[in-house]
Amino acid sequence: MGGAENIVDGFVTHLAVERNRSRNTLEAYRRDVLRFLAETGVNTASAIEEFSPPEIVAYIKKLRDAGMSPASTARNLAAIKGLYRYLARTGVITKNPSDAIQAPKLWKTIPDTLSLGEVEALLAAPKNDSPEGIRDAAMLETMYATGLRVSELVALQIKDMNFEMGYLSTMGKGSKERVTPMGEVALEKVKGYRNGARQAILHGRMSESLFVTRRGEAMTRQGFWKIVKKHALAAGIKKSISPHSLRHSFATHLLERGADLRSVQQMLGHADISTTQIYTHVAKTRMKEIYDKVHPRAK
């Protein structure tokens, strides 16, 4: 097998064809393994095979020490382990040093969530005196009402909405379609945006995308990140939040109110329920905090 580029091309093609991974996942894994091969200098199959488990762990710790988030660090490890599995299964290498490495539990940190008050303040922040404000409100409401990933939110098309039945369809990870219910508030916000503000933003242009920009293009993840930051500042939210904070809050608030874990898993589009279980820790932690704060004999 050739150099790093050939190794990565084969791995990404394998993920696309045999594992049916999404485009975003493919791009992320390509970046991750290219960084790994470049920074470690293991740019041939023989060098990859001889790279030891402690050296792989040291590389991952280096990413953490440089400030990489726990989620991104875990994804980097998953990409590296996937690369090794691919090379082993195709007979390019005969031993897999990454087999001995498990993701430390401390990497699975509890995601940032917003309180109900913070969510309400954030959702109320966009002003309805401009087409962009109406769009922003519709996007934020949809995110919190459905728990979509940011990539799924910005990829929504008009045809994905079913206003009569009260749900939307989206293509999640692994190109798996799922149907997610929406509440009346979010549906009305999106319907109002679709019937007026969207056309004003497009200014005569045509687009199949639901959430659009003045350039007539689909909203991007980076664009929505700016929207969240803008309205979080206006809402007076001090904590550092990201677009995914609304997804995390969606899951946590459902579990706090008695939703069963399997239903939340399906709405989030998690392939493995263990991924969803982290939100039970968030819910339990918050309930304990509330108890300690308000119960007269808690302390």
C-alpha atoms as a PDB file:
ATOM      1  CA  MET A   1       0.000   0.000   0.000  1.00  0.00           C
ATOM      2  CA  GLY A   2       1.264   3.509  -0.779  1.00  0.00           C
ATOM      3  CA  GLY A   3       1.603   6.627   1.313  1.00  0.00           C
ATOM      4  CA  ALA A   4      -0.745   8.299   3.730  1.00  0.00           C
ATOM      5  CA  GLU A   5      -3.139   9.668   1.102  1.00  0.00           C
ATOM      6  CA  ASN A   6      -3.675   6.222  -0.442  1.00  0.00           C
ATOM      7  CA  ILE A   7      -4.215   4.671   2.971  1.00  0.00           C
ATOM      8  CA  VAL A   8      -6.775   7.300   3.920  1.00  0.00           C
ATOM      9  CA  ASP A   9      -8.546   7.153   0.544  1.00  0.00           C
ATOM     10  CA  GLY A  10      -9.012   3.398   0.904  1.00  0.00           C
ATOM     11  CA  PHE A  11     -10.291   3.749   4.460  1.00  0.00           C
ATOM     12  CA  VAL A  12     -12.790   6.515   3.614  1.00  0.00           C
ATOM     13  CA  THR A  13     -14.051   4.616   0.573  1.00  0.00           C
ATOM     14  CA  HIS A  14     -14.589   1.588   2.821  1.00  0.00           C
ATOM     15  CA  LEU A  15     -16.629   3.718   5.255  1.00  0.00           C
ATOM     16  CA  ALA A  16     -18.713   5.178   2.438  1.00  0.00           C
ATOM     17  CA  VAL A  17     -19.432   1.951   0.578  1.00  0.00           C
ATOM     18  CA  GLU A  18     -19.546  -0.754   3.235  1.00  0.00           C
ATOM     19  CA  ARG A  19     -20.422   1.159   6.388  1.00  0.00           C
ATOM     20  CA  ASN A  20     -22.750   3.701   4.724  1.00  0.00           C
ATOM     21  CA  ARG A  21     -21.434   6.592   6.814  1.00  0.00           C
ATOM     22  CA  SER A  22     -22.711  10.137   6.243  1.00  0.00           C
ATOM     23  CA  ARG A  23     -20.723  12.742   4.329  1.00  0.00           C
ATOM     24  CA  ASN A  24     -20.044  14.737   7.509  1.00  0.00           C
ATOM     25  CA  THR A  25     -18.691  11.629   9.249  1.00  0.00           C
ATOM     26  CA  LEU A  26     -16.503  10.799   6.262  1.00  0.00           C
ATOM     27  CA  GLU A  27     -15.052  14.309   6.204  1.00  0.00           C
ATOM     28  CA  ALA A  28     -14.394  14.265   9.954  1.00  0.00           C
ATOM     29  CA  TYR A  29     -12.746  10.831   9.878  1.00  0.00           C
ATOM     30  CA  ARG A  30     -10.597  11.852   6.904  1.00  0.00           C
ATOM     31  CA  ARG A  31      -9.356  14.921   8.788  1.00  0.00           C
ATOM     32  CA  ASP A  32      -8.760  12.889  11.942  1.00  0.00           C
ATOM     33  CA  VAL A  33      -6.718  10.117  10.372  1.00  0.00           C
ATOM     34  CA  LEU A  34      -4.747  12.503   8.148  1.00  0.00           C
ATOM     35  CA  ARG A  35      -3.809  14.501  11.250  1.00  0.00           C
ATOM     36  CA  PHE A  36      -2.835  11.296  13.057  1.00  0.00           C
ATOM     37  CA  LEU A  37      -0.620  10.080  10.211  1.00  0.00           C
ATOM     38  CA  ALA A  38       0.953  13.499   9.652  1.00  0.00           C
ATOM     39  CA  GLU A  39       1.700  14.307  13.293  1.00  0.00           C
ATOM     40  CA  THR A  40       3.028  10.851  14.155  1.00  0.00           C
ATOM     41  CA  GLY A  41       4.930  10.295  10.915  1.00  0.00           C
ATOM     42  CA  VAL A  42       3.404   6.831  10.437  1.00  0.00           C
ATOM     43  CA  ASN A  43       2.760   7.275   6.732  1.00  0.00           C
ATOM     44  CA  THR A  44       3.229   3.666   5.594  1.00  0.00           C
ATOM     45  CA  ALA A  45       1.389   0.456   6.462  1.00  0.00           C
ATOM     46  CA  SER A  46       4.443  -1.044   8.176  1.00  0.00           C
ATOM     47  CA  ALA A  47       4.931   2.069  10.312  1.00  0.00           C
ATOM     48  CA  ILE A  48       1.245   2.037  11.288  1.00  0.00           C
ATOM     49  CA  GLU A  49       1.495  -1.598  12.337  1.00  0.00           C
ATOM     50  CA  GLU A  50       4.542  -0.971  14.526  1.00  0.00           C
ATOM     51  CA  PHE A  51       3.007   2.046  16.289  1.00  0.00           C
ATOM     52  CA  SER A  52       2.440   0.887  19.866  1.00  0.00           C
ATOM     53  CA  PRO A  53      -0.701   1.247  22.032  1.00  0.00           C
ATOM     54  CA  PRO A  54       1.088   3.634  24.467  1.00  0.00           C
ATOM     55  CA  GLU A  55       2.091   5.806  21.518  1.00  0.00           C
ATOM     56  CA  ILE A  56      -1.513   5.962  20.296  1.00  0.00           C
ATOM     57  CA  VAL A  57      -2.691   6.880  23.803  1.00  0.00           C
ATOM     58  CA  ALA A  58       0.012   9.543  24.024  1.00  0.00           C
ATOM     59  CA  TYR A  59      -1.209  11.043  20.753  1.00  0.00           C
ATOM     60  CA  ILE A  60      -4.815  11.154  21.994  1.00  0.00           C
ATOM     61  CA  LYS A  61      -3.726  12.752  25.285  1.00  0.00           C
ATOM     62  CA  LYS A  62      -1.810  15.338  23.281  1.00  0.00           C
ATOM     63  CA  LEU A  63      -5.052  16.314  21.536  1.00  0.00           C
ATOM     64  CA  ARG A  64      -6.813  16.666  24.891  1.00  0.00           C
ATOM     65  CA  ASP A  65      -3.988  18.719  26.354  1.00  0.00           C
ATOM     66  CA  ALA A  66      -4.190  21.042  23.348  1.00  0.00           C
ATOM     67  CA  GLY A  67      -7.794  21.857  24.283  1.00  0.00           C
ATOM     68  CA  MET A  68      -9.751  19.490  22.047  1.00  0.00           C
ATOM     69  CA  SER A  69     -13.239  18.749  23.363  1.00  0.00           C
ATOM     70  CA  PRO A  70     -14.007  15.317  24.844  1.00  0.00           C
ATOM     71  CA  ALA A  71     -16.409  14.533  21.982  1.00  0.00           C
ATOM     72  CA  SER A  72     -13.839  15.403  19.305  1.00  0.00           C
ATOM     73  CA  THR A  73     -11.133  13.496  21.156  1.00  0.00           C
ATOM     74  CA  ALA A  74     -13.339  10.409  21.345  1.00  0.00           C
ATOM     75  CA  ARG A  75     -14.132  10.735  17.636  1.00  0.00           C
ATOM     76  CA  ASN A  76     -10.410  10.930  16.817  1.00  0.00           C
ATOM     77  CA  LEU A  77      -9.799   7.717  18.729  1.00  0.00           C
ATOM     78  CA  ALA A  78     -12.748   6.066  16.968  1.00  0.00           C
ATOM     79  CA  ALA A  79     -11.341   7.138  13.594  1.00  0.00           C
ATOM     80  CA  ILE A  80      -7.898   5.750  14.425  1.00  0.00           C
ATOM     81  CA  LYS A  81      -9.318   2.461  15.679  1.00  0.00           C
ATOM     82  CA  GLY A  82     -11.491   2.250  12.559  1.00  0.00           C
ATOM     83  CA  LEU A  83      -8.439   2.772  10.359  1.00  0.00           C
ATOM     84  CA  TYR A  84      -6.583  -0.044  12.122  1.00  0.00           C
ATOM     85  CA  ARG A  85      -9.573  -2.399  11.824  1.00  0.00           C
ATOM     86  CA  TYR A  86      -9.854  -1.647   8.122  1.00  0.00           C
ATOM     87  CA  LEU A  87      -6.167  -2.312   7.491  1.00  0.00           C
ATOM     88  CA  ALA A  88      -6.281  -5.534   9.516  1.00  0.00           C
ATOM     89  CA  ARG A  89      -9.400  -6.863   7.788  1.00  0.00           C
ATOM     90  CA  THR A  90      -7.979  -6.148   4.336  1.00  0.00           C
ATOM     91  CA  GLY A  91      -4.732  -7.935   5.223  1.00  0.00           C
ATOM     92  CA  VAL A  92      -2.518  -4.857   4.946  1.00  0.00           C
ATOM     93  CA  ILE A  93      -1.374  -5.297   8.553  1.00  0.00           C
ATOM     94  CA  THR A  94      -1.283  -8.482  10.611  1.00  0.00           C
ATOM     95  CA  LYS A  95      -1.629  -7.002  14.100  1.00  0.00           C
ATOM     96  CA  ASN A  96      -3.838  -4.239  15.448  1.00  0.00           C
ATOM     97  CA  PRO A  97      -2.251  -2.283  18.323  1.00  0.00           C
ATOM     98  CA  SER A  98      -5.392  -0.176  18.778  1.00  0.00           C
ATOM     99  CA  ASP A  99      -7.414  -3.212  19.950  1.00  0.00           C
ATOM    100  CA  ALA A 100      -6.004  -2.821  23.448  1.00  0.00           C
ATOM    101  CA  ILE A 101      -7.184   0.789  23.776  1.00  0.00           C
ATOM    102  CA  GLN A 102     -10.519   1.642  25.346  1.00  0.00           C
ATOM    103  CA  ALA A 103     -12.026   5.120  25.487  1.00  0.00           C
ATOM    104  CA  PRO A 104     -11.635   6.338  29.088  1.00  0.00           C
ATOM    105  CA  LYS A 105     -14.915   7.040  30.840  1.00  0.00           C
ATOM    106  CA  LEU A 106     -13.741  10.532  31.730  1.00  0.00           C
ATOM    107  CA  TRP A 107     -13.928  11.439  28.015  1.00  0.00           C
ATOM    108  CA  LYS A 108     -17.659  10.891  28.102  1.00  0.00           C
ATOM    109  CA  THR A 109     -18.301  14.113  29.937  1.00  0.00           C
ATOM    110  CA  ILE A 110     -21.794  15.339  30.631  1.00  0.00           C
ATOM    111  CA  PRO A 111     -22.827  17.683  27.820  1.00  0.00           C
ATOM    112  CA  ASP A 112     -23.633  21.326  28.438  1.00  0.00           C
ATOM    113  CA  THR A 113     -27.338  21.853  28.950  1.00  0.00           C
ATOM    114  CA  LEU A 114     -29.573  24.843  29.526  1.00  0.00           C
ATOM    115  CA  SER A 115     -32.133  25.229  32.264  1.00  0.00           C
ATOM    116  CA  LEU A 116     -35.757  25.684  31.261  1.00  0.00           C
ATOM    117  CA  GLY A 117     -35.465  29.386  32.053  1.00  0.00           C
ATOM    118  CA  GLU A 118     -32.386  29.729  29.859  1.00  0.00           C
ATOM    119  CA  VAL A 119     -34.086  27.889  26.997  1.00  0.00           C
ATOM    120  CA  GLU A 120     -37.132  30.141  27.257  1.00  0.00           C
ATOM    121  CA  ALA A 121     -34.942  33.249  27.258  1.00  0.00           C
ATOM    122  CA  LEU A 122     -33.002  32.008  24.239  1.00  0.00           C
ATOM    123  CA  LEU A 123     -36.132  31.126  22.267  1.00  0.00           C
ATOM    124  CA  ALA A 124     -37.637  34.526  23.038  1.00  0.00           C
ATOM    125  CA  ALA A 125     -34.499  36.463  22.024  1.00  0.00           C
ATOM    126  CA  PRO A 126     -34.991  36.694  18.211  1.00  0.00           C
ATOM    127  CA  LYS A 127     -37.097  39.703  17.194  1.00  0.00           C
ATOM    128  CA  ASN A 128     -39.972  39.167  14.783  1.00  0.00           C
ATOM    129  CA  ASP A 129     -39.467  42.573  13.137  1.00  0.00           C
ATOM    130  CA  SER A 130     -37.213  41.193  10.402  1.00  0.00           C
ATOM    131  CA  PRO A 131     -37.261  38.123   8.121  1.00  0.00           C
ATOM    132  CA  GLU A 132     -33.976  36.955   9.656  1.00  0.00           C
ATOM    133  CA  GLY A 133     -35.373  37.253  13.164  1.00  0.00           C
ATOM    134  CA  ILE A 134     -38.394  35.153  12.219  1.00  0.00           C
ATOM    135  CA  ARG A 135     -36.086  32.582  10.610  1.00  0.00           C
ATOM    136  CA  ASP A 136     -33.804  32.474  13.658  1.00  0.00           C
ATOM    137  CA  ALA A 137     -36.773  31.927  15.973  1.00  0.00           C
ATOM    138  CA  ALA A 138     -38.038  29.097  13.770  1.00  0.00           C
ATOM    139  CA  MET A 139     -34.620  27.416  13.708  1.00  0.00           C
ATOM    140  CA  LEU A 140     -34.123  27.646  17.472  1.00  0.00           C
ATOM    141  CA  GLU A 141     -37.635  26.348  18.156  1.00  0.00           C
ATOM    142  CA  THR A 142     -37.124  23.444  15.737  1.00  0.00           C
ATOM    143  CA  MET A 143     -33.797  22.526  17.306  1.00  0.00           C
ATOM    144  CA  TYR A 144     -35.220  22.424  20.828  1.00  0.00           C
ATOM    145  CA  ALA A 145     -38.511  20.787  19.775  1.00  0.00           C
ATOM    146  CA  THR A 146     -36.869  17.901  17.914  1.00  0.00           C
ATOM    147  CA  GLY A 147     -33.319  17.470  19.233  1.00  0.00           C
ATOM    148  CA  LEU A 148     -31.921  17.387  15.689  1.00  0.00           C
ATOM    149  CA  ARG A 149     -28.189  17.471  15.086  1.00  0.00           C
ATOM    150  CA  VAL A 150     -27.021  20.791  13.645  1.00  0.00           C
ATOM    151  CA  SER A 151     -26.104  19.085  10.377  1.00  0.00           C
ATOM    152  CA  GLU A 152     -29.637  17.652  10.183  1.00  0.00           C
ATOM    153  CA  LEU A 153     -31.265  21.000  10.967  1.00  0.00           C
ATOM    154  CA  VAL A 154     -29.477  22.929   8.222  1.00  0.00           C
ATOM    155  CA  ALA A 155     -30.071  20.088   5.724  1.00  0.00           C
ATOM    156  CA  LEU A 156     -33.870  20.210   6.127  1.00  0.00           C
ATOM    157  CA  GLN A 157     -35.874  20.797   2.980  1.00  0.00           C
ATOM    158  CA  ILE A 158     -39.433  22.052   2.543  1.00  0.00           C
ATOM    159  CA  LYS A 159     -40.571  18.545   1.620  1.00  0.00           C
ATOM    160  CA  ASP A 160     -39.307  17.178   4.942  1.00  0.00           C
ATOM    161  CA  MET A 161     -42.010  19.043   6.887  1.00  0.00           C
ATOM    162  CA  ASN A 162     -45.449  17.564   7.489  1.00  0.00           C
ATOM    163  CA  PHE A 163     -47.447  20.367   9.092  1.00  0.00           C
ATOM    164  CA  GLU A 164     -50.742  18.450   9.046  1.00  0.00           C
ATOM    165  CA  MET A 165     -49.399  15.462  10.989  1.00  0.00           C
ATOM    166  CA  GLY A 166     -46.958  17.471  13.097  1.00  0.00           C
ATOM    167  CA  TYR A 167     -43.626  15.866  12.323  1.00  0.00           C
ATOM    168  CA  LEU A 168     -40.535  16.197  10.180  1.00  0.00           C
ATOM    169  CA  SER A 169     -38.366  13.636   8.417  1.00  0.00           C
ATOM    170  CA  THR A 170     -34.600  13.783   8.448  1.00  0.00           C
ATOM    171  CA  MET A 171     -31.672  11.747   7.190  1.00  0.00           C
ATOM    172  CA  GLY A 172     -29.367  11.038  10.129  1.00  0.00           C
ATOM    173  CA  LYS A 173     -26.060   9.272  10.607  1.00  0.00           C
ATOM    174  CA  GLY A 174     -25.536   6.242   8.431  1.00  0.00           C
ATOM    175  CA  SER A 175     -28.091   7.649   5.950  1.00  0.00           C
ATOM    176  CA  LYS A 176     -30.903   6.412   8.180  1.00  0.00           C
ATOM    177  CA  GLU A 177     -34.182   8.270   7.846  1.00  0.00           C
ATOM    178  CA  ARG A 178     -36.170   8.967  10.980  1.00  0.00           C
ATOM    179  CA  VAL A 179     -39.406  10.752  11.758  1.00  0.00           C
ATOM    180  CA  THR A 180     -39.471  13.181  14.666  1.00  0.00           C
ATOM    181  CA  PRO A 181     -42.592  14.775  16.199  1.00  0.00           C
ATOM    182  CA  MET A 182     -42.804  18.530  16.664  1.00  0.00           C
ATOM    183  CA  GLY A 183     -44.783  20.580  19.140  1.00  0.00           C
ATOM    184  CA  GLU A 184     -47.391  23.135  18.093  1.00  0.00           C
ATOM    185  CA  VAL A 185     -45.228  26.137  18.985  1.00  0.00           C
ATOM    186  CA  ALA A 186     -42.360  25.009  16.773  1.00  0.00           C
ATOM    187  CA  LEU A 187     -44.733  24.050  13.954  1.00  0.00           C
ATOM    188  CA  GLU A 188     -46.394  27.450  14.012  1.00  0.00           C
ATOM    189  CA  LYS A 189     -43.023  29.236  14.060  1.00  0.00           C
ATOM    190  CA  VAL A 190     -41.800  27.260  11.053  1.00  0.00           C
ATOM    191  CA  LYS A 191     -45.101  27.664   9.218  1.00  0.00           C
ATOM    192  CA  GLY A 192     -45.040  31.423   9.769  1.00  0.00           C
ATOM    193  CA  TYR A 193     -41.452  31.597   8.543  1.00  0.00           C
ATOM    194  CA  ARG A 194     -42.212  29.475   5.458  1.00  0.00           C
ATOM    195  CA  ASN A 195     -45.242  31.559   4.499  1.00  0.00           C
ATOM    196  CA  GLY A 196     -43.550  34.954   4.623  1.00  0.00           C
ATOM    197  CA  ALA A 197     -40.044  35.523   5.908  1.00  0.00           C
ATOM    198  CA  ARG A 198     -38.477  32.771   3.805  1.00  0.00           C
ATOM    199  CA  GLN A 199     -39.625  34.352   0.546  1.00  0.00           C
ATOM    200  CA  ALA A 200     -38.414  37.751   1.723  1.00  0.00           C
ATOM    201  CA  ILE A 201     -34.967  36.321   2.487  1.00  0.00           C
ATOM    202  CA  LEU A 202     -34.761  34.505  -0.858  1.00  0.00           C
ATOM    203  CA  HIS A 203     -35.894  37.652  -2.697  1.00  0.00           C
ATOM    204  CA  GLY A 204     -37.170  35.777  -5.720  1.00  0.00           C
ATOM    205  CA  ARG A 205     -34.555  33.038  -5.731  1.00  0.00           C
ATOM    206  CA  MET A 206     -35.540  29.376  -5.712  1.00  0.00           C
ATOM    207  CA  SER A 207     -34.364  26.872  -3.115  1.00  0.00           C
ATOM    208  CA  GLU A 208     -35.457  23.487  -1.819  1.00  0.00           C
ATOM    209  CA  SER A 209     -33.792  24.161   1.553  1.00  0.00           C
ATOM    210  CA  LEU A 210     -36.060  25.105   4.437  1.00  0.00           C
ATOM    211  CA  PHE A 211     -33.719  27.472   6.255  1.00  0.00           C
ATOM    212  CA  VAL A 212     -31.985  29.853   3.868  1.00  0.00           C
ATOM    213  CA  THR A 213     -29.704  32.893   3.775  1.00  0.00           C
ATOM    214  CA  ARG A 214     -29.836  36.190   1.872  1.00  0.00           C
ATOM    215  CA  ARG A 215     -27.535  34.627  -0.718  1.00  0.00           C
ATOM    216  CA  GLY A 216     -30.246  32.150  -1.594  1.00  0.00           C
ATOM    217  CA  GLU A 217     -28.291  29.265  -0.106  1.00  0.00           C
ATOM    218  CA  ALA A 218     -28.991  26.784   2.661  1.00  0.00           C
ATOM    219  CA  MET A 219     -28.015  27.860   6.159  1.00  0.00           C
ATOM    220  CA  THR A 220     -24.653  26.389   7.197  1.00  0.00           C
ATOM    221  CA  ARG A 221     -23.593  24.912  10.513  1.00  0.00           C
ATOM    222  CA  GLN A 222     -21.237  27.839  11.002  1.00  0.00           C
ATOM    223  CA  GLY A 223     -24.048  30.269  10.223  1.00  0.00           C
ATOM    224  CA  PHE A 224     -26.353  28.679  12.767  1.00  0.00           C
ATOM    225  CA  TRP A 225     -23.544  28.688  15.352  1.00  0.00           C
ATOM    226  CA  LYS A 226     -23.378  32.487  14.944  1.00  0.00           C
ATOM    227  CA  ILE A 227     -27.149  32.711  15.328  1.00  0.00           C
ATOM    228  CA  VAL A 228     -27.045  30.782  18.611  1.00  0.00           C
ATOM    229  CA  LYS A 229     -24.189  32.914  19.969  1.00  0.00           C
ATOM    230  CA  LYS A 230     -25.943  36.137  18.976  1.00  0.00           C
ATOM    231  CA  HIS A 231     -29.234  35.303  20.665  1.00  0.00           C
ATOM    232  CA  ALA A 232     -27.607  33.710  23.721  1.00  0.00           C
ATOM    233  CA  LEU A 233     -25.837  37.033  24.294  1.00  0.00           C
ATOM    234  CA  ALA A 234     -29.101  38.930  23.855  1.00  0.00           C
ATOM    235  CA  ALA A 235     -30.820  36.530  26.285  1.00  0.00           C
ATOM    236  CA  GLY A 236     -28.188  37.204  28.937  1.00  0.00           C
ATOM    237  CA  ILE A 237     -26.970  33.602  29.055  1.00  0.00           C
ATOM    238  CA  LYS A 238     -23.517  33.646  30.629  1.00  0.00           C
ATOM    239  CA  LYS A 239     -22.466  30.031  30.123  1.00  0.00           C
ATOM    240  CA  SER A 240     -20.680  29.010  26.967  1.00  0.00           C
ATOM    241  CA  ILE A 241     -23.140  27.216  24.723  1.00  0.00           C
ATOM    242  CA  SER A 242     -23.141  25.761  21.230  1.00  0.00           C
ATOM    243  CA  PRO A 243     -25.902  24.769  18.807  1.00  0.00           C
ATOM    244  CA  HIS A 244     -25.736  21.255  20.247  1.00  0.00           C
ATOM    245  CA  SER A 245     -26.628  22.660  23.677  1.00  0.00           C
ATOM    246  CA  LEU A 246     -30.241  22.764  22.492  1.00  0.00           C
ATOM    247  CA  ARG A 247     -30.053  19.104  21.442  1.00  0.00           C
ATOM    248  CA  HIS A 248     -28.594  18.194  24.818  1.00  0.00           C
ATOM    249  CA  SER A 249     -31.272  20.232  26.597  1.00  0.00           C
ATOM    250  CA  PHE A 250     -34.024  18.568  24.541  1.00  0.00           C
ATOM    251  CA  ALA A 251     -32.908  15.119  25.704  1.00  0.00           C
ATOM    252  CA  THR A 252     -32.302  16.107  29.312  1.00  0.00           C
ATOM    253  CA  HIS A 253     -35.636  17.886  29.742  1.00  0.00           C
ATOM    254  CA  LEU A 254     -37.547  14.939  28.255  1.00  0.00           C
ATOM    255  CA  LEU A 255     -35.897  12.501  30.673  1.00  0.00           C
ATOM    256  CA  GLU A 256     -36.470  14.830  33.606  1.00  0.00           C
ATOM    257  CA  ARG A 257     -40.175  14.695  32.839  1.00  0.00           C
ATOM    258  CA  GLY A 258     -40.406  10.930  32.644  1.00  0.00           C
ATOM    259  CA  ALA A 259     -39.737  10.079  28.999  1.00  0.00           C
ATOM    260  CA  ASP A 260     -38.381   6.552  28.563  1.00  0.00           C
ATOM    261  CA  LEU A 261     -34.803   6.165  27.393  1.00  0.00           C
ATOM    262  CA  ARG A 262     -35.665   4.133  24.279  1.00  0.00           C
ATOM    263  CA  SER A 263     -38.015   6.827  22.945  1.00  0.00           C
ATOM    264  CA  VAL A 264     -35.402   9.535  23.495  1.00  0.00           C
ATOM    265  CA  GLN A 265     -32.834   7.329  21.751  1.00  0.00           C
ATOM    266  CA  GLN A 266     -35.088   7.048  18.704  1.00  0.00           C
ATOM    267  CA  MET A 267     -35.792  10.777  18.580  1.00  0.00           C
ATOM    268  CA  LEU A 268     -32.084  11.609  18.837  1.00  0.00           C
ATOM    269  CA  GLY A 269     -31.183   9.030  16.201  1.00  0.00           C
ATOM    270  CA  HIS A 270     -28.621   7.232  18.377  1.00  0.00           C
ATOM    271  CA  ALA A 271     -27.632   3.815  17.054  1.00  0.00           C
ATOM    272  CA  ASP A 272     -26.541   2.660  20.522  1.00  0.00           C
ATOM    273  CA  ILE A 273     -28.630   3.318  23.621  1.00  0.00           C
ATOM    274  CA  SER A 274     -25.434   3.683  25.684  1.00  0.00           C
ATOM    275  CA  THR A 275     -24.916   7.010  23.892  1.00  0.00           C
ATOM    276  CA  THR A 276     -28.307   8.180  25.128  1.00  0.00           C
ATOM    277  CA  GLN A 277     -27.700   6.993  28.694  1.00  0.00           C
ATOM    278  CA  ILE A 278     -25.330   9.869  29.393  1.00  0.00           C
ATOM    279  CA  TYR A 279     -28.391  12.141  29.548  1.00  0.00           C
ATOM    280  CA  THR A 280     -29.779  10.146  32.460  1.00  0.00           C
ATOM    281  CA  HIS A 281     -26.759  11.295  34.456  1.00  0.00           C
ATOM    282  CA  VAL A 282     -27.554  14.895  33.531  1.00  0.00           C
ATOM    283  CA  ALA A 283     -31.170  14.501  34.600  1.00  0.00           C
ATOM    284  CA  LYS A 284     -30.257  12.857  37.909  1.00  0.00           C
ATOM    285  CA  THR A 285     -27.633  15.501  38.657  1.00  0.00           C
ATOM    286  CA  ARG A 286     -30.096  18.319  37.986  1.00  0.00           C
ATOM    287  CA  MET A 287     -32.838  16.703  40.085  1.00  0.00           C
ATOM    288  CA  LYS A 288     -30.392  16.398  42.991  1.00  0.00           C
ATOM    289  CA  GLU A 289     -29.431  20.057  42.623  1.00  0.00           C
ATOM    290  CA  ILE A 290     -33.091  21.102  42.630  1.00  0.00           C
ATOM    291  CA  TYR A 291     -33.812  18.927  45.677  1.00  0.00           C
ATOM    292  CA  ASP A 292     -30.864  20.348  47.608  1.00  0.00           C
ATOM    293  CA  LYS A 293     -31.939  23.869  46.734  1.00  0.00           C
ATOM    294  CA  VAL A 294     -35.660  23.762  47.531  1.00  0.00           C
ATOM    295  CA  HIS A 295     -36.318  20.965  50.023  1.00  0.00           C
ATOM    296  CA  PRO A 296     -36.565  22.423  53.535  1.00  0.00           C
ATOM    297  CA  ARG A 297     -34.688  19.539  55.124  1.00  0.00           C
ATOM    298  CA  ALA A 298     -32.176  18.806  52.386  1.00  0.00           C
ATOM    299  CA  LYS A 299     -29.345  20.381  54.410  1.00  0.00           C
END
